[in-house]
């Protein structure tokens, strides 16, 4: 499912890439190269976020689905849930770090002197 989303986003990114004739003449291939670099960087970041999510919640779902014959204890379940929630916070922090406008806004609000 995620691979379908990536392929669709990649194709639509290249088909909708806004370029005017004047920008093509003045900048040449530089704008297109920056656009491709930005798209690849976004794709890598999305894949990393997905991997972090799977690493966080994978063990919990594995334990709940495949270990039905041997039920998982309450302590183990609590540890797995805590691990998943911790990784969820890591994903949220990564989104804050990746979003440049939000990062600049928070920096200006928290540290107005700098």
PDB file of N, CA and C in Angstrom:
ATOM      1  N   UNK A   1       0.816  -1.190   0.000  1.00  0.00           N
ATOM      2  CA  UNK A   1       0.000   0.000   0.000  1.00  0.00           C
ATOM      3  C   UNK A   1       0.861   1.256   0.000  1.00  0.00           C
ATOM      4  N   UNK A   2       1.885   1.285   0.850  1.00  0.00           N
ATOM      5  CA  UNK A   2       2.747   2.461   0.891  1.00  0.00           C
ATOM      6  C   UNK A   2       3.538   2.624  -0.398  1.00  0.00           C
ATOM      7  N   UNK A   3       3.919   1.533  -1.034  1.00  0.00           N
ATOM      8  CA  UNK A   3       4.649   1.625  -2.289  1.00  0.00           C
ATOM      9  C   UNK A   3       3.758   2.256  -3.350  1.00  0.00           C
ATOM     10  N   UNK A   4       2.484   1.922  -3.359  1.00  0.00           N
ATOM     11  CA  UNK A   4       1.548   2.549  -4.298  1.00  0.00           C
ATOM     12  C   UNK A   4       1.473   4.056  -4.078  1.00  0.00           C
ATOM     13  N   UNK A   5       1.421   4.460  -2.821  1.00  0.00           N
ATOM     14  CA  UNK A   5       1.365   5.892  -2.501  1.00  0.00           C
ATOM     15  C   UNK A   5       2.636   6.580  -2.975  1.00  0.00           C
ATOM     16  N   UNK A   6       3.801   5.951  -2.748  1.00  0.00           N
ATOM     17  CA  UNK A   6       5.057   6.548  -3.180  1.00  0.00           C
ATOM     18  C   UNK A   6       5.109   6.698  -4.694  1.00  0.00           C
ATOM     19  N   UNK A   7       4.705   5.665  -5.418  1.00  0.00           N
ATOM     20  CA  UNK A   7       4.732   5.724  -6.883  1.00  0.00           C
ATOM     21  C   UNK A   7       3.769   6.791  -7.387  1.00  0.00           C
ATOM     22  N   UNK A   8       2.584   6.843  -6.818  1.00  0.00           N
ATOM     23  CA  UNK A   8       1.605   7.850  -7.234  1.00  0.00           C
ATOM     24  C   UNK A   8       2.115   9.263  -6.958  1.00  0.00           C
ATOM     25  N   UNK A   9       2.692   9.474  -5.779  1.00  0.00           N
ATOM     26  CA  UNK A   9       3.212  10.796  -5.434  1.00  0.00           C
ATOM     27  C   UNK A   9       4.387  11.166  -6.327  1.00  0.00           C
ATOM     28  N   UNK A  10       5.237  10.217  -6.634  1.00  0.00           N
ATOM     29  CA  UNK A  10       6.391  10.489  -7.480  1.00  0.00           C
ATOM     30  C   UNK A  10       5.952  10.879  -8.884  1.00  0.00           C
ATOM     31  N   UNK A  11       4.996  10.129  -9.444  1.00  0.00           N
ATOM     32  CA  UNK A  11       4.505  10.440 -10.790  1.00  0.00           C
ATOM     33  C   UNK A  11       3.785  11.784 -10.820  1.00  0.00           C
ATOM     34  N   UNK A  12       2.946  12.027  -9.831  1.00  0.00           N
ATOM     35  CA  UNK A  12       2.208  13.290  -9.829  1.00  0.00           C
ATOM     36  C   UNK A  12       3.141  14.458  -9.561  1.00  0.00           C
ATOM     37  N   UNK A  13       4.197  14.250  -8.816  1.00  0.00           N
ATOM     38  CA  UNK A  13       5.169  15.308  -8.540  1.00  0.00           C
ATOM     39  C   UNK A  13       5.823  15.769  -9.833  1.00  0.00           C
ATOM     40  N   UNK A  14       6.187  14.818 -10.688  1.00  0.00           N
ATOM     41  CA  UNK A  14       6.849  15.178 -11.929  1.00  0.00           C
ATOM     42  C   UNK A  14       5.877  15.703 -12.973  1.00  0.00           C
ATOM     43  N   UNK A  15       4.631  15.270 -12.948  1.00  0.00           N
ATOM     44  CA  UNK A  15       3.680  15.753 -13.954  1.00  0.00           C
ATOM     45  C   UNK A  15       3.138  17.124 -13.613  1.00  0.00           C
ATOM     46  N   UNK A  16       3.131  17.520 -12.333  1.00  0.00           N
ATOM     47  CA  UNK A  16       2.558  18.791 -11.916  1.00  0.00           C
ATOM     48  C   UNK A  16       3.643  19.814 -11.604  1.00  0.00           C
ATOM     49  N   UNK A  17       4.882  19.473 -11.759  1.00  0.00           N
ATOM     50  CA  UNK A  17       5.981  20.373 -11.425  1.00  0.00           C
ATOM     51  C   UNK A  17       5.830  21.700 -12.161  1.00  0.00           C
ATOM     52  N   UNK A  18       5.578  22.808 -11.418  1.00  0.00           N
ATOM     53  CA  UNK A  18       5.314  24.084 -12.071  1.00  0.00           C
ATOM     54  C   UNK A  18       6.588  24.704 -12.640  1.00  0.00           C
ATOM     55  N   UNK A  19       6.561  24.962 -13.918  1.00  0.00           N
ATOM     56  CA  UNK A  19       7.680  25.632 -14.572  1.00  0.00           C
ATOM     57  C   UNK A  19       7.129  26.544 -15.652  1.00  0.00           C
ATOM     58  N   UNK A  20       7.643  27.743 -15.706  1.00  0.00           N
ATOM     59  CA  UNK A  20       7.258  28.665 -16.765  1.00  0.00           C
ATOM     60  C   UNK A  20       8.359  28.687 -17.811  1.00  0.00           C
ATOM     61  N   UNK A  21       8.045  29.241 -18.944  1.00  0.00           N
ATOM     62  CA  UNK A  21       9.034  29.285 -20.023  1.00  0.00           C
ATOM     63  C   UNK A  21      10.221  30.154 -19.623  1.00  0.00           C
ATOM     64  N   UNK A  22       9.947  31.291 -18.970  1.00  0.00           N
ATOM     65  CA  UNK A  22      11.048  32.170 -18.582  1.00  0.00           C
ATOM     66  C   UNK A  22      11.966  31.514 -17.558  1.00  0.00           C
ATOM     67  N   UNK A  23      11.393  30.739 -16.626  1.00  0.00           N
ATOM     68  CA  UNK A  23      12.249  30.083 -15.641  1.00  0.00           C
ATOM     69  C   UNK A  23      13.062  28.978 -16.285  1.00  0.00           C
ATOM     70  N   UNK A  24      12.525  28.356 -17.316  1.00  0.00           N
ATOM     71  CA  UNK A  24      13.286  27.327 -18.005  1.00  0.00           C
ATOM     72  C   UNK A  24      14.455  27.940 -18.770  1.00  0.00           C
ATOM     73  N   UNK A  25      14.242  29.135 -19.306  1.00  0.00           N
ATOM     74  CA  UNK A  25      15.300  29.775 -20.071  1.00  0.00           C
ATOM     75  C   UNK A  25      16.384  30.306 -19.144  1.00  0.00           C
ATOM     76  N   UNK A  26      15.986  30.977 -18.052  1.00  0.00           N
ATOM     77  CA  UNK A  26      16.978  31.614 -17.187  1.00  0.00           C
ATOM     78  C   UNK A  26      17.737  30.634 -16.314  1.00  0.00           C
ATOM     79  N   UNK A  27      17.051  29.669 -15.752  1.00  0.00           N
ATOM     80  CA  UNK A  27      17.722  28.774 -14.813  1.00  0.00           C
ATOM     81  C   UNK A  27      18.164  27.472 -15.443  1.00  0.00           C
ATOM     82  N   UNK A  28      17.672  27.164 -16.595  1.00  0.00           N
ATOM     83  CA  UNK A  28      18.067  25.920 -17.250  1.00  0.00           C
ATOM     84  C   UNK A  28      17.558  24.728 -16.475  1.00  0.00           C
ATOM     85  N   UNK A  29      18.432  23.766 -16.242  1.00  0.00           N
ATOM     86  CA  UNK A  29      18.051  22.551 -15.543  1.00  0.00           C
ATOM     87  C   UNK A  29      18.201  22.639 -14.043  1.00  0.00           C
ATOM     88  N   UNK A  30      18.668  23.789 -13.536  1.00  0.00           N
ATOM     89  CA  UNK A  30      18.909  23.921 -12.101  1.00  0.00           C
ATOM     90  C   UNK A  30      17.634  23.782 -11.286  1.00  0.00           C
ATOM     91  N   UNK A  31      16.548  24.422 -11.734  1.00  0.00           N
ATOM     92  CA  UNK A  31      15.283  24.344 -10.998  1.00  0.00           C
ATOM     93  C   UNK A  31      14.757  22.916 -10.982  1.00  0.00           C
ATOM     94  N   UNK A  32      14.855  22.247 -12.114  1.00  0.00           N
ATOM     95  CA  UNK A  32      14.379  20.869 -12.175  1.00  0.00           C
ATOM     96  C   UNK A  32      15.246  19.968 -11.292  1.00  0.00           C
ATOM     97  N   UNK A  33      16.543  20.217 -11.253  1.00  0.00           N
ATOM     98  CA  UNK A  33      17.432  19.417 -10.417  1.00  0.00           C
ATOM     99  C   UNK A  33      17.108  19.625  -8.937  1.00  0.00           C
ATOM    100  N   UNK A  34      16.868  20.872  -8.512  1.00  0.00           N
ATOM    101  CA  UNK A  34      16.490  21.141  -7.130  1.00  0.00           C
ATOM    102  C   UNK A  34      15.154  20.506  -6.797  1.00  0.00           C
ATOM    103  N   UNK A  35      14.239  20.527  -7.756  1.00  0.00           N
ATOM    104  CA  UNK A  35      12.927  19.942  -7.551  1.00  0.00           C
ATOM    105  C   UNK A  35      13.023  18.427  -7.359  1.00  0.00           C
ATOM    106  N   UNK A  36      13.838  17.787  -8.160  1.00  0.00           N
ATOM    107  CA  UNK A  36      14.019  16.338  -8.034  1.00  0.00           C
ATOM    108  C   UNK A  36      14.695  16.009  -6.705  1.00  0.00           C
ATOM    109  N   UNK A  37      15.708  16.809  -6.330  1.00  0.00           N
ATOM    110  CA  UNK A  37      16.403  16.591  -5.061  1.00  0.00           C
ATOM    111  C   UNK A  37      15.436  16.722  -3.886  1.00  0.00           C
ATOM    112  N   UNK A  38      14.548  17.716  -3.936  1.00  0.00           N
ATOM    113  CA  UNK A  38      13.570  17.918  -2.873  1.00  0.00           C
ATOM    114  C   UNK A  38      12.601  16.740  -2.802  1.00  0.00           C
ATOM    115  N   UNK A  39      12.178  16.246  -3.955  1.00  0.00           N
ATOM    116  CA  UNK A  39      11.270  15.104  -3.984  1.00  0.00           C
ATOM    117  C   UNK A  39      11.909  13.839  -3.436  1.00  0.00           C
ATOM    118  N   UNK A  40      13.163  13.615  -3.780  1.00  0.00           N
ATOM    119  CA  UNK A  40      13.873  12.436  -3.281  1.00  0.00           C
ATOM    120  C   UNK A  40      14.077  12.549  -1.776  1.00  0.00           C
ATOM    121  N   UNK A  41      14.419  13.744  -1.312  1.00  0.00           N
ATOM    122  CA  UNK A  41      14.617  13.950   0.129  1.00  0.00           C
ATOM    123  C   UNK A  41      13.314  13.706   0.901  1.00  0.00           C
ATOM    124  N   UNK A  42      12.215  14.177   0.340  1.00  0.00           N
ATOM    125  CA  UNK A  42      10.918  13.942   0.975  1.00  0.00           C
ATOM    126  C   UNK A  42      10.571  12.463   0.991  1.00  0.00           C
ATOM    127  N   UNK A  43      10.861  11.765  -0.085  1.00  0.00           N
ATOM    128  CA  UNK A  43      10.586  10.330  -0.149  1.00  0.00           C
ATOM    129  C   UNK A  43      11.424   9.564   0.867  1.00  0.00           C
ATOM    130  N   UNK A  44      12.695   9.910   1.001  1.00  0.00           N
ATOM    131  CA  UNK A  44      13.560   9.252   1.982  1.00  0.00           C
ATOM    132  C   UNK A  44      13.061   9.529   3.395  1.00  0.00           C
ATOM    133  N   UNK A  45      12.643  10.757   3.659  1.00  0.00           N
ATOM    134  CA  UNK A  45      12.125  11.093   4.989  1.00  0.00           C
ATOM    135  C   UNK A  45      10.847  10.312   5.289  1.00  0.00           C
ATOM    136  N   UNK A  46       9.968  10.175   4.302  1.00  0.00           N
ATOM    137  CA  UNK A  46       8.733   9.417   4.491  1.00  0.00           C
ATOM    138  C   UNK A  46       9.034   7.948   4.773  1.00  0.00           C
ATOM    139  N   UNK A  47       9.977   7.384   4.057  1.00  0.00           N
ATOM    140  CA  UNK A  47      10.345   5.984   4.285  1.00  0.00           C
ATOM    141  C   UNK A  47      10.932   5.819   5.687  1.00  0.00           C
ATOM    142  N   UNK A  48      11.786   6.753   6.109  1.00  0.00           N
ATOM    143  CA  UNK A  48      12.358   6.681   7.458  1.00  0.00           C
ATOM    144  C   UNK A  48      11.266   6.755   8.523  1.00  0.00           C
ATOM    145  N   UNK A  49      10.290   7.630   8.327  1.00  0.00           N
ATOM    146  CA  UNK A  49       9.191   7.749   9.289  1.00  0.00           C
ATOM    147  C   UNK A  49       8.401   6.438   9.359  1.00  0.00           C
ATOM    148  N   UNK A  50       8.179   5.825   8.216  1.00  0.00           N
ATOM    149  CA  UNK A  50       7.447   4.564   8.187  1.00  0.00           C
ATOM    150  C   UNK A  50       8.239   3.467   8.905  1.00  0.00           C
ATOM    151  N   UNK A  51       9.545   3.420   8.683  1.00  0.00           N
ATOM    152  CA  UNK A  51      10.395   2.411   9.340  1.00  0.00           C
ATOM    153  C   UNK A  51      10.378   2.615  10.853  1.00  0.00           C
ATOM    154  N   UNK A  52      10.459   3.871  11.293  1.00  0.00           N
ATOM    155  CA  UNK A  52      10.398   4.154  12.731  1.00  0.00           C
ATOM    156  C   UNK A  52       9.074   3.675  13.303  1.00  0.00           C
ATOM    157  N   UNK A  53       7.983   3.919  12.582  1.00  0.00           N
ATOM    158  CA  UNK A  53       6.664   3.489  13.049  1.00  0.00           C
ATOM    159  C   UNK A  53       6.574   1.965  13.136  1.00  0.00           C
ATOM    160  N   UNK A  54       7.080   1.278  12.124  1.00  0.00           N
ATOM    161  CA  UNK A  54       7.026  -0.195  12.127  1.00  0.00           C
ATOM    162  C   UNK A  54       7.893  -0.769  13.242  1.00  0.00           C
ATOM    163  N   UNK A  55       9.079  -0.188  13.454  1.00  0.00           N
ATOM    164  CA  UNK A  55       9.947  -0.654  14.536  1.00  0.00           C
ATOM    165  C   UNK A  55       9.276  -0.435  15.890  1.00  0.00           C
ATOM    166  N   UNK A  56       8.511   0.658  16.002  1.00  0.00           N
ATOM    167  CA  UNK A  56       7.857   0.955  17.273  1.00  0.00           C
ATOM    168  C   UNK A  56       6.679   0.053  17.577  1.00  0.00           C
ATOM    169  N   UNK A  57       5.805  -0.126  16.613  1.00  0.00           N
ATOM    170  CA  UNK A  57       4.585  -0.884  16.880  1.00  0.00           C
ATOM    171  C   UNK A  57       4.637  -2.329  16.400  1.00  0.00           C
ATOM    172  N   UNK A  58       5.632  -2.692  15.606  1.00  0.00           N
ATOM    173  CA  UNK A  58       5.747  -4.061  15.100  1.00  0.00           C
ATOM    174  C   UNK A  58       5.803  -5.126  16.179  1.00  0.00           C
ATOM    175  N   UNK A  59       6.657  -4.968  17.194  1.00  0.00           N
ATOM    176  CA  UNK A  59       6.723  -6.001  18.237  1.00  0.00           C
ATOM    177  C   UNK A  59       5.404  -6.192  18.987  1.00  0.00           C
ATOM    178  N   UNK A  60       4.684  -5.103  19.236  1.00  0.00           N
ATOM    179  CA  UNK A  60       3.410  -5.215  19.941  1.00  0.00           C
ATOM    180  C   UNK A  60       2.410  -6.027  19.122  1.00  0.00           C
ATOM    181  N   UNK A  61       2.272  -5.672  17.830  1.00  0.00           N
ATOM    182  CA  UNK A  61       1.319  -6.405  16.996  1.00  0.00           C
ATOM    183  C   UNK A  61       1.770  -7.832  16.747  1.00  0.00           C
ATOM    184  N   UNK A  62       3.071  -8.046  16.633  1.00  0.00           N
ATOM    185  CA  UNK A  62       3.573  -9.408  16.490  1.00  0.00           C
ATOM    186  C   UNK A  62       3.196 -10.246  17.707  1.00  0.00           C
ATOM    187  N   UNK A  63       3.387  -9.685  18.883  1.00  0.00           N
ATOM    188  CA  UNK A  63       3.062 -10.412  20.113  1.00  0.00           C
ATOM    189  C   UNK A  63       1.568 -10.672  20.230  1.00  0.00           C
ATOM    190  N   UNK A  64       0.754  -9.717  19.847  1.00  0.00           N
ATOM    191  CA  UNK A  64      -0.689  -9.886  19.981  1.00  0.00           C
ATOM    192  C   UNK A  64      -1.265 -10.861  18.959  1.00  0.00           C
ATOM    193  N   UNK A  65      -0.706 -10.897  17.762  1.00  0.00           N
ATOM    194  CA  UNK A  65      -1.267 -11.743  16.703  1.00  0.00           C
ATOM    195  C   UNK A  65      -0.684 -13.153  16.739  1.00  0.00           C
ATOM    196  N   UNK A  66       0.626 -13.278  16.803  1.00  0.00           N
ATOM    197  CA  UNK A  66       1.264 -14.580  16.641  1.00  0.00           C
ATOM    198  C   UNK A  66       1.469 -15.342  17.941  1.00  0.00           C
ATOM    199  N   UNK A  67       1.330 -14.688  19.053  1.00  0.00           N
ATOM    200  CA  UNK A  67       1.529 -15.381  20.319  1.00  0.00           C
ATOM    201  C   UNK A  67       0.202 -15.579  21.063  1.00  0.00           C
ATOM    202  N   UNK A  68      -0.855 -15.872  20.336  1.00  0.00           N
ATOM    203  CA  UNK A  68      -2.168 -16.097  20.970  1.00  0.00           C
ATOM    204  C   UNK A  68      -2.180 -17.387  21.776  1.00  0.00           C
ATOM    205  N   UNK A  69      -1.442 -18.379  21.333  1.00  0.00           N
ATOM    206  CA  UNK A  69      -1.405 -19.644  22.061  1.00  0.00           C
ATOM    207  C   UNK A  69      -0.704 -19.467  23.407  1.00  0.00           C
ATOM    208  N   UNK A  70       0.312 -18.645  23.444  1.00  0.00           N
ATOM    209  CA  UNK A  70       1.045 -18.313  24.656  1.00  0.00           C
ATOM    210  C   UNK A  70       0.785 -16.844  24.953  1.00  0.00           C
ATOM    211  N   UNK A  71      -0.222 -16.532  25.724  1.00  0.00           N
ATOM    212  CA  UNK A  71      -0.541 -15.118  25.946  1.00  0.00           C
ATOM    213  C   UNK A  71       0.613 -14.350  26.578  1.00  0.00           C
ATOM    214  N   UNK A  72       0.715 -13.111  26.161  1.00  0.00           N
ATOM    215  CA  UNK A  72       1.772 -12.240  26.662  1.00  0.00           C
ATOM    216  C   UNK A  72       1.328 -11.681  28.010  1.00  0.00           C
ATOM    217  N   UNK A  73       2.258 -11.631  28.955  1.00  0.00           N
ATOM    218  CA  UNK A  73       1.941 -11.111  30.273  1.00  0.00           C
ATOM    219  C   UNK A  73       1.648  -9.612  30.246  1.00  0.00           C
ATOM    220  N   UNK A  74       1.022  -9.140  31.312  1.00  0.00           N
ATOM    221  CA  UNK A  74       0.660  -7.720  31.376  1.00  0.00           C
ATOM    222  C   UNK A  74       1.888  -6.816  31.395  1.00  0.00           C
ATOM    223  N   UNK A  75       2.940  -7.258  32.059  1.00  0.00           N
ATOM    224  CA  UNK A  75       4.167  -6.461  32.103  1.00  0.00           C
ATOM    225  C   UNK A  75       4.801  -6.327  30.725  1.00  0.00           C
ATOM    226  N   UNK A  76       4.867  -7.443  29.998  1.00  0.00           N
ATOM    227  CA  UNK A  76       5.430  -7.419  28.648  1.00  0.00           C
ATOM    228  C   UNK A  76       4.581  -6.557  27.733  1.00  0.00           C
ATOM    229  N   UNK A  77       3.273  -6.680  27.858  1.00  0.00           N
ATOM    230  CA  UNK A  77       2.373  -5.870  27.045  1.00  0.00           C
ATOM    231  C   UNK A  77       2.567  -4.385  27.344  1.00  0.00           C
ATOM    232  N   UNK A  78       2.718  -4.043  28.609  1.00  0.00           N
ATOM    233  CA  UNK A  78       2.928  -2.638  28.987  1.00  0.00           C
ATOM    234  C   UNK A  78       4.254  -2.121  28.424  1.00  0.00           C
ATOM    235  N   UNK A  79       5.288  -2.950  28.445  1.00  0.00           N
ATOM    236  CA  UNK A  79       6.582  -2.545  27.881  1.00  0.00           C
ATOM    237  C   UNK A  79       6.468  -2.326  26.380  1.00  0.00           C
ATOM    238  N   UNK A  80       5.775  -3.224  25.683  1.00  0.00           N
ATOM    239  CA  UNK A  80       5.623  -3.082  24.238  1.00  0.00           C
ATOM    240  C   UNK A  80       4.801  -1.848  23.879  1.00  0.00           C
ATOM    241  N   UNK A  81       3.760  -1.567  24.647  1.00  0.00           N
ATOM    242  CA  UNK A  81       2.951  -0.369  24.392  1.00  0.00           C
ATOM    243  C   UNK A  81       3.772   0.886  24.660  1.00  0.00           C
ATOM    244  N   UNK A  82       4.540   0.880  25.738  1.00  0.00           N
ATOM    245  CA  UNK A  82       5.397   2.030  26.045  1.00  0.00           C
ATOM    246  C   UNK A  82       6.426   2.243  24.939  1.00  0.00           C
ATOM    247  N   UNK A  83       6.988   1.165  24.426  1.00  0.00           N
ATOM    248  CA  UNK A  83       7.941   1.257  23.323  1.00  0.00           C
ATOM    249  C   UNK A  83       7.276   1.872  22.089  1.00  0.00           C
ATOM    250  N   UNK A  84       6.074   1.437  21.766  1.00  0.00           N
ATOM    251  CA  UNK A  84       5.349   1.986  20.623  1.00  0.00           C
ATOM    252  C   UNK A  84       5.038   3.463  20.796  1.00  0.00           C
ATOM    253  N   UNK A  85       4.603   3.841  21.988  1.00  0.00           N
ATOM    254  CA  UNK A  85       4.295   5.250  22.239  1.00  0.00           C
ATOM    255  C   UNK A  85       5.551   6.118  22.203  1.00  0.00           C
ATOM    256  N   UNK A  86       6.656   5.585  22.701  1.00  0.00           N
ATOM    257  CA  UNK A  86       7.909   6.327  22.647  1.00  0.00           C
ATOM    258  C   UNK A  86       8.322   6.574  21.201  1.00  0.00           C
ATOM    259  N   UNK A  87       8.201   5.563  20.374  1.00  0.00           N
ATOM    260  CA  UNK A  87       8.538   5.733  18.963  1.00  0.00           C
ATOM    261  C   UNK A  87       7.559   6.670  18.263  1.00  0.00           C
ATOM    262  N   UNK A  88       6.320   6.705  18.717  1.00  0.00           N
ATOM    263  CA  UNK A  88       5.364   7.658  18.169  1.00  0.00           C
ATOM    264  C   UNK A  88       5.796   9.086  18.473  1.00  0.00           C
ATOM    265  N   UNK A  89       6.309   9.312  19.679  1.00  0.00           N
ATOM    266  CA  UNK A  89       6.843  10.632  20.019  1.00  0.00           C
ATOM    267  C   UNK A  89       8.071  10.967  19.175  1.00  0.00           C
ATOM    268  N   UNK A  90       8.884   9.972  18.876  1.00  0.00           N
ATOM    269  CA  UNK A  90      10.044  10.188  18.010  1.00  0.00           C
ATOM    270  C   UNK A  90       9.589  10.627  16.618  1.00  0.00           C
ATOM    271  N   UNK A  91       8.534  10.014  16.103  1.00  0.00           N
ATOM    272  CA  UNK A  91       7.992  10.403  14.801  1.00  0.00           C
ATOM    273  C   UNK A  91       7.504  11.851  14.840  1.00  0.00           C
ATOM    274  N   UNK A  92       6.821  12.233  15.889  1.00  0.00           N
ATOM    275  CA  UNK A  92       6.324  13.610  16.009  1.00  0.00           C
ATOM    276  C   UNK A  92       7.492  14.593  16.061  1.00  0.00           C
ATOM    277  N   UNK A  93       8.531  14.268  16.814  1.00  0.00           N
ATOM    278  CA  UNK A  93       9.703  15.139  16.900  1.00  0.00           C
ATOM    279  C   UNK A  93      10.393  15.239  15.544  1.00  0.00           C
ATOM    280  N   UNK A  94      10.488  14.136  14.815  1.00  0.00           N
ATOM    281  CA  UNK A  94      11.085  14.175  13.479  1.00  0.00           C
ATOM    282  C   UNK A  94      10.282  15.062  12.539  1.00  0.00           C
ATOM    283  N   UNK A  95       8.970  15.034  12.650  1.00  0.00           N
ATOM    284  CA  UNK A  95       8.142  15.910  11.823  1.00  0.00           C
ATOM    285  C   UNK A  95       8.377  17.372  12.164  1.00  0.00           C
ATOM    286  N   UNK A  96       8.533  17.686  13.438  1.00  0.00           N
ATOM    287  CA  UNK A  96       8.838  19.061  13.831  1.00  0.00           C
ATOM    288  C   UNK A  96      10.206  19.486  13.293  1.00  0.00           C
ATOM    289  N   UNK A  97      11.169  18.597  13.344  1.00  0.00           N
ATOM    290  CA  UNK A  97      12.508  18.928  12.865  1.00  0.00           C
ATOM    291  C   UNK A  97      12.506  19.112  11.351  1.00  0.00           C
ATOM    292  N   UNK A  98      11.757  18.292  10.636  1.00  0.00           N
ATOM    293  CA  UNK A  98      11.752  18.340   9.175  1.00  0.00           C
ATOM    294  C   UNK A  98      11.008  19.562   8.638  1.00  0.00           C
ATOM    295  N   UNK A  99       9.978  20.019   9.343  1.00  0.00           N
ATOM    296  CA  UNK A  99       9.182  21.152   8.882  1.00  0.00           C
ATOM    297  C   UNK A  99       9.924  22.449   9.195  1.00  0.00           C
ATOM    298  N   UNK A 100      10.528  23.041   8.187  1.00  0.00           N
ATOM    299  CA  UNK A 100      11.375  24.217   8.372  1.00  0.00           C
ATOM    300  C   UNK A 100      10.589  25.418   8.883  1.00  0.00           C
ATOM    301  N   UNK A 101       9.422  25.666   8.319  1.00  0.00           N
ATOM    302  CA  UNK A 101       8.634  26.832   8.735  1.00  0.00           C
ATOM    303  C   UNK A 101       8.207  26.718  10.196  1.00  0.00           C
ATOM    304  N   UNK A 102       7.781  25.554  10.588  1.00  0.00           N
ATOM    305  CA  UNK A 102       7.374  25.351  11.979  1.00  0.00           C
ATOM    306  C   UNK A 102       8.569  25.475  12.916  1.00  0.00           C
ATOM    307  N   UNK A 103       9.714  24.933  12.499  1.00  0.00           N
ATOM    308  CA  UNK A 103      10.918  25.027  13.313  1.00  0.00           C
ATOM    309  C   UNK A 103      11.347  26.482  13.504  1.00  0.00           C
ATOM    310  N   UNK A 104      11.285  27.272  12.439  1.00  0.00           N
ATOM    311  CA  UNK A 104      11.635  28.692  12.550  1.00  0.00           C
ATOM    312  C   UNK A 104      10.631  29.441  13.419  1.00  0.00           C
ATOM    313  N   UNK A 105       9.352  29.121  13.294  1.00  0.00           N
ATOM    314  CA  UNK A 105       8.323  29.771  14.106  1.00  0.00           C
ATOM    315  C   UNK A 105       8.547  29.480  15.598  1.00  0.00           C
ATOM    316  N   UNK A 106       8.772  28.217  15.927  1.00  0.00           N
ATOM    317  CA  UNK A 106       9.008  27.860  17.331  1.00  0.00           C
ATOM    318  C   UNK A 106      10.298  28.480  17.859  1.00  0.00           C
ATOM    319  N   UNK A 107      11.313  28.545  17.016  1.00  0.00           N
ATOM    320  CA  UNK A 107      12.572  29.164  17.433  1.00  0.00           C
ATOM    321  C   UNK A 107      12.361  30.650  17.734  1.00  0.00           C
ATOM    322  N   UNK A 108      11.597  31.340  16.886  1.00  0.00           N
ATOM    323  CA  UNK A 108      11.320  32.757  17.124  1.00  0.00           C
ATOM    324  C   UNK A 108      10.460  32.991  18.369  1.00  0.00           C
ATOM    325  N   UNK A 109       9.538  32.099  18.624  1.00  0.00           N
ATOM    326  CA  UNK A 109       8.677  32.243  19.801  1.00  0.00           C
ATOM    327  C   UNK A 109       9.397  31.887  21.097  1.00  0.00           C
ATOM    328  N   UNK A 110      10.217  30.837  21.054  1.00  0.00           N
ATOM    329  CA  UNK A 110      10.902  30.401  22.279  1.00  0.00           C
ATOM    330  C   UNK A 110      12.154  31.231  22.565  1.00  0.00           C
ATOM    331  N   UNK A 111      12.853  31.633  21.524  1.00  0.00           N
ATOM    332  CA  UNK A 111      14.089  32.408  21.694  1.00  0.00           C
ATOM    333  C   UNK A 111      14.017  33.676  20.844  1.00  0.00           C
ATOM    334  N   UNK A 112      13.250  34.678  21.272  1.00  0.00           N
ATOM    335  CA  UNK A 112      13.082  35.869  20.433  1.00  0.00           C
ATOM    336  C   UNK A 112      14.352  36.699  20.283  1.00  0.00           C
ATOM    337  N   UNK A 113      15.302  36.564  21.178  1.00  0.00           N
ATOM    338  CA  UNK A 113      16.532  37.365  21.103  1.00  0.00           C
ATOM    339  C   UNK A 113      17.502  36.866  20.035  1.00  0.00           C
ATOM    340  N   UNK A 114      17.433  35.600  19.665  1.00  0.00           N
ATOM    341  CA  UNK A 114      18.432  35.024  18.759  1.00  0.00           C
ATOM    342  C   UNK A 114      18.063  35.168  17.311  1.00  0.00           C
TER     343      UNK A 114
END
